[in-house]
Protein backbone atom coordinates (compact mmCIF):
# COMPACT_ATOMS: atom_id res chain seq x y z
CA MET A 1 0.00 0.00 0.00
CA PRO A 2 1.53 3.32 -1.00
CA ALA A 3 2.08 6.09 1.48
CA ASP A 4 -1.12 7.87 2.44
CA TYR A 5 -0.56 11.61 2.25
CA THR A 6 -4.20 12.41 2.95
CA ARG A 7 -3.53 11.91 6.65
CA TYR A 8 -1.64 15.22 6.58
CA LEU A 9 -4.66 17.16 5.33
CA PRO A 10 -6.70 19.18 7.81
CA THR A 11 -9.62 17.25 9.29
CA THR A 12 -11.96 19.84 7.77
CA THR A 13 -10.98 18.79 4.22
CA SER A 14 -13.96 17.26 2.46
CA LEU A 15 -13.77 13.78 1.02
CA ARG A 16 -15.37 15.10 -2.16
CA SER A 17 -12.56 17.62 -2.75
CA VAL A 18 -9.86 15.03 -2.09
CA THR A 19 -11.54 12.63 -4.51
CA TRP A 20 -12.12 15.17 -7.27
CA TYR A 21 -8.73 16.87 -7.07
CA GLY A 22 -6.98 13.50 -7.01
CA ALA A 23 -8.99 12.26 -9.98
CA LEU A 24 -8.50 15.51 -11.88
CA GLY A 25 -4.74 15.48 -11.30
CA GLY A 26 -4.47 11.88 -12.46
CA PHE A 27 -6.66 12.53 -15.51
CA VAL A 28 -4.97 15.75 -16.66
CA SER A 29 -1.46 14.36 -16.33
CA SER A 30 -2.39 11.10 -18.09
CA VAL A 31 -4.06 12.90 -20.97
CA ALA A 32 -1.18 15.37 -21.34
CA LEU A 33 1.40 12.56 -21.44
CA GLY A 34 -0.77 10.51 -23.78
CA VAL A 35 -1.23 13.40 -26.22
CA GLY A 36 2.50 14.16 -26.08
CA GLY A 37 3.32 10.51 -26.77
CA VAL A 38 0.91 10.30 -29.70
CA ALA A 39 2.28 13.55 -31.14
CA ALA A 40 5.85 12.25 -30.85
CA ALA A 41 4.92 8.88 -32.34
CA THR A 42 3.46 10.56 -35.43
CA GLN A 43 6.78 12.31 -36.09
CA THR A 44 9.09 9.29 -36.16
CA ASP A 45 9.30 5.54 -36.71
CA MET A 46 8.26 3.92 -33.43
CA THR A 47 9.07 0.30 -34.27
CA ASP A 48 12.06 0.90 -32.00
CA ALA A 49 10.93 3.45 -29.42
CA VAL A 50 14.44 4.30 -28.23
CA ALA A 51 15.79 4.93 -31.74
CA GLY A 52 12.60 6.81 -32.61
CA THR A 53 13.00 9.08 -29.61
CA GLU A 54 16.64 9.74 -30.54
CA ALA A 55 15.46 11.08 -33.90
CA LEU A 56 13.25 13.62 -32.13
CA LEU A 57 15.91 14.99 -29.80
CA PRO A 58 19.00 17.06 -30.58
CA GLY A 59 22.25 15.21 -29.93
CA TRP A 60 23.25 17.35 -26.93
CA PHE A 61 19.95 16.60 -25.20
CA GLN A 62 20.14 12.80 -25.42
CA PRO A 63 22.38 12.23 -22.34
CA LEU A 64 20.24 14.67 -20.37
CA PHE A 65 17.12 12.86 -21.57
CA LEU A 66 18.50 9.51 -20.40
CA ALA A 67 19.37 11.05 -17.02
CA LEU A 68 15.82 12.41 -16.78
CA VAL A 69 14.39 8.99 -17.61
CA LEU A 70 16.53 7.38 -14.93
CA GLY A 71 15.69 10.07 -12.38
CA GLY A 72 12.03 9.88 -13.32
CA SER A 73 11.94 6.13 -12.80
CA VAL A 74 13.34 6.59 -9.30
CA THR A 75 11.12 9.53 -8.37
CA ASN A 76 8.12 7.71 -9.81
CA SER A 77 8.81 5.05 -7.20
CA ILE A 78 9.20 7.45 -4.26
CA ILE A 79 5.69 6.82 -2.96
CA THR A 80 6.25 3.08 -2.92
CA LEU A 81 9.70 3.35 -1.32
CA TYR A 82 8.08 4.20 1.99
CA SER A 83 5.92 1.09 1.77
CA SER A 84 8.92 -0.96 0.72
CA SER A 85 10.81 0.17 3.81
CA LEU A 86 7.85 -0.82 5.97
CA ASN A 87 7.76 -4.24 4.32
CA LEU A 88 11.46 -4.77 4.98
CA GLN A 89 10.96 -3.89 8.63
CA VAL A 90 7.94 -6.20 8.91
CA LEU A 91 10.07 -9.00 7.47
CA GLY A 92 12.47 -8.45 10.36
CA VAL A 93 15.29 -6.64 8.58
CA PRO A 94 16.88 -4.63 11.42
CA TRP A 95 17.32 -1.37 9.48
CA SER A 96 16.07 2.11 10.21
CA ARG A 97 13.35 3.37 7.89
CA SER A 98 15.75 5.78 6.19
CA ARG A 99 18.31 3.04 5.50
CA ALA A 100 15.60 0.75 4.12
CA ILE A 101 14.42 3.55 1.81
CA VAL A 102 17.98 4.19 0.58
CA VAL A 103 18.44 0.48 -0.15
CA SER A 104 15.10 0.36 -1.99
CA ALA A 105 16.07 3.45 -4.00
CA ALA A 106 19.43 1.89 -4.89
CA VAL A 107 17.72 -1.31 -6.07
CA THR A 108 15.30 0.80 -8.15
CA ALA A 109 18.14 2.81 -9.67
CA GLY A 110 20.10 -0.35 -10.41
CA GLY A 111 17.11 -1.94 -12.09
CA SER A 112 16.55 1.21 -14.13
CA LEU A 113 20.18 1.31 -15.24
CA TYR A 114 20.00 -2.35 -16.21
CA ALA A 115 16.76 -1.83 -18.16
CA LEU A 116 18.10 1.24 -19.96
CA PHE A 117 21.61 0.16 -20.84
CA LEU A 118 22.11 -3.59 -20.53
CA SER A 119 18.91 -5.31 -21.63
CA ASP A 120 16.06 -5.19 -24.07
CA PHE A 121 13.52 -3.17 -22.11
CA THR A 122 10.47 -4.79 -23.72
CA SER A 123 11.58 -8.35 -22.96
CA SER A 124 12.52 -7.32 -19.40
CA LEU A 125 9.11 -5.74 -18.91
CA LEU A 126 7.34 -8.81 -20.28
CA SER A 127 9.40 -11.07 -18.00
CA PHE A 128 8.55 -8.89 -15.00
CA LEU A 129 4.85 -8.89 -15.85
CA SER A 130 4.95 -12.67 -16.29
CA LEU A 131 6.55 -13.00 -12.88
CA LEU A 132 3.81 -10.83 -11.36
CA ILE A 133 1.17 -13.01 -12.96
CA ILE A 134 2.80 -16.16 -11.62
CA VAL A 135 3.11 -14.73 -8.11
CA PHE A 136 -0.24 -12.96 -7.81
CA ALA A 137 -2.66 -14.85 -10.08
CA ARG A 138 -3.47 -17.57 -7.56
CA GLY A 139 -4.16 -15.09 -4.78
CA ALA A 140 -6.25 -12.90 -7.06
CA ALA A 141 -8.23 -15.88 -8.26
CA SER A 142 -8.86 -17.21 -4.76
CA SER A 143 -10.00 -13.81 -3.47
CA SER A 144 -12.44 -13.29 -6.32
CA PRO A 145 -16.09 -13.60 -5.38
CA THR A 146 -17.88 -16.68 -6.54
CA TRP A 147 -21.11 -15.85 -8.30
């Protein structure tokens, strides 16, 4: 379960405003990224997304772009790093929360570096999704209601 930032809101905050602002923020950002991705895909050959993106960017920006992708993958995981540190502590790892978060961030960064530079990202993603299906399918199936 990701970190719950709503607990820091004043008690007078309405559930309706939290719901609508959260939904609106998720919708607007998703649509903006989707439109940007579609616009970029119409300007280049996307059979190889990495090579296609390179054609859109000036040469000097490519290393910065890769650094932004790596940084974005880590910051995208920030919310789950807190939960990861809690899970490590529940498993009995005798680390402070901050140390557990740093270790989780390092694992995330290492995985991102591997995915970007040492492997075929699509096959790695498919392998990861297959692993998730293997691990979670039984539990999801057993917790489904029987009609």
